Protein backbone atom coordinates (compact mmCIF):
# COMPACT_ATOMS: atom_id res chain seq x y z
CA MET A 1 7.98 -10.25 -37.78
CA PRO A 2 10.65 -12.97 -37.48
CA PHE A 3 11.39 -14.74 -34.28
CA GLN A 4 14.93 -13.22 -32.74
CA ARG A 5 16.00 -15.45 -30.04
CA ARG A 6 17.40 -12.95 -27.55
CA ASN A 7 19.60 -14.03 -24.37
CA VAL A 8 17.00 -12.81 -21.23
CA PRO A 9 18.25 -13.89 -17.88
CA ALA A 10 15.19 -16.43 -16.63
CA SER A 11 13.53 -15.57 -13.07
CA PRO A 12 10.85 -17.17 -11.26
CA ALA A 13 8.66 -14.46 -12.65
CA THR A 14 9.03 -14.49 -16.36
CA HIS A 15 7.05 -17.56 -16.38
CA THR A 16 4.40 -15.28 -16.91
CA SER A 17 5.37 -12.55 -18.95
CA LEU A 18 3.75 -12.80 -21.79
CA ALA A 19 5.60 -9.52 -23.28
CA LEU A 20 9.05 -11.47 -22.81
CA LEU A 21 8.03 -14.91 -24.29
CA PRO A 22 7.24 -14.56 -27.72
CA ARG A 23 10.81 -12.08 -28.30
CA THR A 24 12.73 -15.19 -26.19
CA ALA A 25 11.09 -18.69 -27.68
CA LYS A 26 12.91 -20.43 -29.95
CA SER A 27 9.82 -21.11 -32.38
CA PRO A 28 6.20 -20.34 -32.09
CA ALA A 29 5.59 -23.76 -31.26
CA VAL A 30 7.27 -22.91 -27.80
CA ALA A 31 6.20 -19.93 -27.44
CA LYS A 32 2.68 -21.45 -27.37
CA ARG A 33 3.56 -24.43 -25.24
CA ALA A 34 5.18 -22.07 -22.75
CA CYS A 35 2.24 -19.82 -22.94
CA TYR A 36 -0.52 -23.17 -21.68
CA TYR A 37 2.62 -24.03 -19.16
CA ALA A 38 2.21 -20.66 -17.45
CA GLY A 39 -1.46 -20.47 -17.94
CA ALA A 40 -1.39 -23.75 -16.29
CA LEU A 41 0.81 -22.73 -13.52
CA THR A 42 -1.09 -19.43 -12.57
CA ILE A 43 -4.08 -21.55 -12.26
CA LEU A 44 -2.79 -23.92 -9.86
CA THR A 45 -0.90 -21.22 -7.75
CA GLY A 46 -3.93 -18.85 -7.26
CA LEU A 47 -6.12 -21.84 -6.36
CA ALA A 48 -3.66 -22.83 -3.54
CA ALA A 49 -3.91 -18.92 -2.85
CA ALA A 50 -7.69 -19.53 -2.51
CA PHE A 51 -7.76 -22.52 -0.76
CA ALA A 52 -4.97 -21.63 1.71
CA GLY A 53 -7.21 -17.83 2.46
CA LEU A 54 -10.28 -20.27 3.29
CA MET A 55 -8.66 -22.40 5.50
CA ALA A 56 -6.15 -20.40 7.09
CA HIS A 57 -8.42 -19.35 10.26
CA SER A 58 -9.35 -22.87 10.97
CA MET A 59 -5.44 -23.77 10.83
CA VAL A 60 -3.99 -20.81 12.72
CA GLY A 61 -7.03 -20.92 15.46
CA ASP A 62 -7.49 -17.57 17.05
CA VAL A 63 -5.44 -14.72 16.22
CA PRO A 64 -5.97 -11.29 18.27
CA ASP A 65 -5.23 -9.38 15.21
CA SER A 66 -6.63 -10.51 11.83
CA ARG A 67 -3.81 -8.91 9.80
CA MET A 68 -1.55 -11.74 11.53
CA VAL A 69 -2.97 -14.66 10.01
CA LEU A 70 -0.96 -15.02 7.36
CA PRO A 71 2.25 -14.30 8.81
CA THR A 72 1.36 -17.18 11.58
CA LEU A 73 0.24 -19.25 8.80
CA ALA A 74 3.58 -19.07 6.94
CA SER A 75 5.64 -19.00 10.10
CA THR A 76 4.16 -22.02 12.03
CA LYS A 77 2.21 -23.78 9.67
CA VAL A 78 4.36 -24.83 6.33
CA PRO A 79 7.74 -25.57 5.81
CA PHE A 80 10.34 -23.05 6.36
CA TRP A 81 10.94 -22.54 2.73
CA ILE A 82 7.66 -22.31 1.94
CA GLY A 83 6.89 -19.51 4.41
CA ALA A 84 9.77 -18.04 3.46
CA LEU A 85 8.98 -17.88 -0.27
CA THR A 86 5.36 -16.58 0.78
CA MET A 87 6.87 -13.79 3.04
CA ILE A 88 9.15 -12.91 0.20
CA GLY A 89 6.27 -13.12 -2.67
CA VAL A 90 4.46 -10.51 -0.53
CA VAL A 91 7.02 -7.95 0.34
CA GLY A 92 7.52 -8.37 -3.97
CA ALA A 93 3.93 -7.74 -4.72
CA SER A 94 3.98 -4.99 -2.60
CA MET A 95 6.88 -3.01 -3.69
CA SER A 96 5.78 -3.75 -7.27
CA THR A 97 2.53 -2.27 -6.60
CA CYS A 98 4.10 0.99 -4.95
CA CYS A 99 6.71 1.21 -8.09
CA GLY A 100 3.63 1.58 -10.45
CA VAL A 101 1.67 4.17 -7.88
CA ILE A 102 4.96 6.16 -7.68
CA ILE A 103 5.43 6.10 -11.51
CA ALA A 104 2.11 6.52 -12.33
CA THR A 105 1.13 9.01 -10.34
CA SER A 106 4.17 11.13 -10.67
CA ALA A 107 3.68 10.96 -15.01
CA VAL A 108 0.80 11.66 -14.57
CA ILE A 109 1.67 14.39 -12.62
CA SER A 110 4.19 15.96 -14.62
CA ARG A 111 2.76 14.70 -18.28
CA ASN A 112 -1.04 15.62 -17.73
CA ILE A 113 -0.92 18.84 -15.35
CA ILE A 114 2.59 20.87 -15.36
CA GLN A 115 3.24 19.89 -19.35
CA ARG A 116 -0.17 20.72 -19.81
CA TRP A 117 -0.96 23.55 -18.10
CA SER A 118 2.86 25.31 -18.72
CA ASN A 119 3.23 27.96 -21.45
CA ARG A 120 6.79 26.29 -22.24
CA THR A 121 7.31 22.75 -24.25
CA MET A 122 9.58 20.49 -22.93
CA ASP A 123 11.37 17.61 -24.86
CA ASP A 124 11.55 13.75 -23.40
CA GLU A 125 14.73 14.65 -21.24
CA GLN A 126 12.99 17.60 -19.66
CA LEU A 127 10.23 15.34 -19.07
CA LEU A 128 11.73 12.67 -17.82
CA LYS A 129 13.80 14.98 -15.14
CA LEU A 130 10.00 16.38 -14.06
CA THR A 131 8.80 12.72 -13.67
CA ARG A 132 11.32 11.80 -11.71
CA THR A 133 11.04 15.06 -9.25
CA ALA A 134 7.49 14.18 -8.78
CA ALA A 135 8.49 10.88 -7.72
CA LEU A 136 10.44 12.20 -4.85
CA PRO A 137 7.18 14.13 -3.18
CA MET A 138 5.14 11.48 -4.02
CA THR A 139 7.37 8.46 -2.28
CA VAL A 140 7.50 10.43 1.18
CA GLY A 141 3.43 11.01 0.91
CA GLY A 142 3.51 7.65 0.23
CA ALA A 143 5.51 6.47 2.80
CA LEU A 144 3.64 9.05 5.44
CA PHE A 145 0.67 7.47 4.71
CA ALA A 146 1.42 4.06 5.16
CA TRP A 147 3.15 5.13 8.43
CA TYR A 148 0.16 6.67 9.97
CA ARG A 149 -2.46 4.01 8.31
CA PRO A 150 -0.35 0.52 7.66
CA GLU A 151 -3.16 -1.52 7.02
CA PRO A 152 -2.23 -2.28 3.12
CA GLY A 153 -5.95 -4.33 2.45
CA ILE A 154 -7.94 -0.93 3.33
CA LEU A 155 -5.27 1.17 1.43
CA LEU A 156 -5.29 -1.13 -1.88
CA ALA A 157 -9.29 -0.84 -1.47
CA LEU A 158 -9.04 2.96 -0.61
CA ALA A 159 -6.42 3.44 -4.01
CA PHE A 160 -9.25 1.43 -6.32
CA ASP A 161 -11.79 3.49 -4.70
CA ILE A 162 -9.94 6.87 -5.49
CA VAL A 163 -8.89 5.66 -9.35
CA LEU A 164 -12.97 4.14 -10.03
CA ALA A 165 -14.13 7.37 -8.58
CA GLY A 166 -10.86 9.60 -10.85
CA CYS A 167 -12.59 7.26 -14.18
CA VAL A 168 -16.07 7.86 -14.00
CA LEU A 169 -15.82 11.66 -15.36
CA PRO A 170 -13.31 10.36 -18.49
CA LEU A 171 -15.06 7.61 -19.21
CA VAL A 172 -18.54 8.28 -19.16
CA ALA A 173 -18.32 12.01 -20.69
CA GLY A 174 -15.32 11.12 -22.94
CA VAL A 175 -12.92 14.08 -21.27
C-alpha cells in the first residue's frame, strides 16, 4: 500500500494513535520515528503518573476521603496548568470509557441478542437505528448506577469482573 498524505487535524491525543500514523506520515521512516517518539512519551507519562500516585499520600497528608487525593494534589501541590490538565485528562478518560461501554453494550444487545433471536433480517441502516435506540436505556442505566454508586475505581473493577465472568464460557467452551 503506497503512502498517502492526508490532512488530519492534530490533537494532543494523536501522538499515541497508531491507527492514524501510517496514513498521515510522509514516509515509512517518519512513521517509524513517530512511533518511537510516541512510545517514549507514553512511557514517560506513565512513569510520571505512577510516581505521582506513589508519592500522593505523603505529599497531600491526611485527607478524610481517599477518593479526594488526586483532586487535592492537582489543586494544591502542582502549578495550576498541570492540575487543570490532570483533571481534564481524568474527565476525558472517564467520558471515553463511558462512551465505549455504552456503544459496546448497545451493539451487543442489538446485534447479538435482538438480531440473532428475531425472525426478520435487518440491513445495516436498521441495525444502526436499533443500536442507537439501545444506547438510550444503557445511558440512562449507567447514569443512574453512577449516581447511586459514585465510586469510579470500584465501578471499573466491577466492570472488568463482569466482562471476565462473561468471557469465561465463550473462551473455554468456544461458544
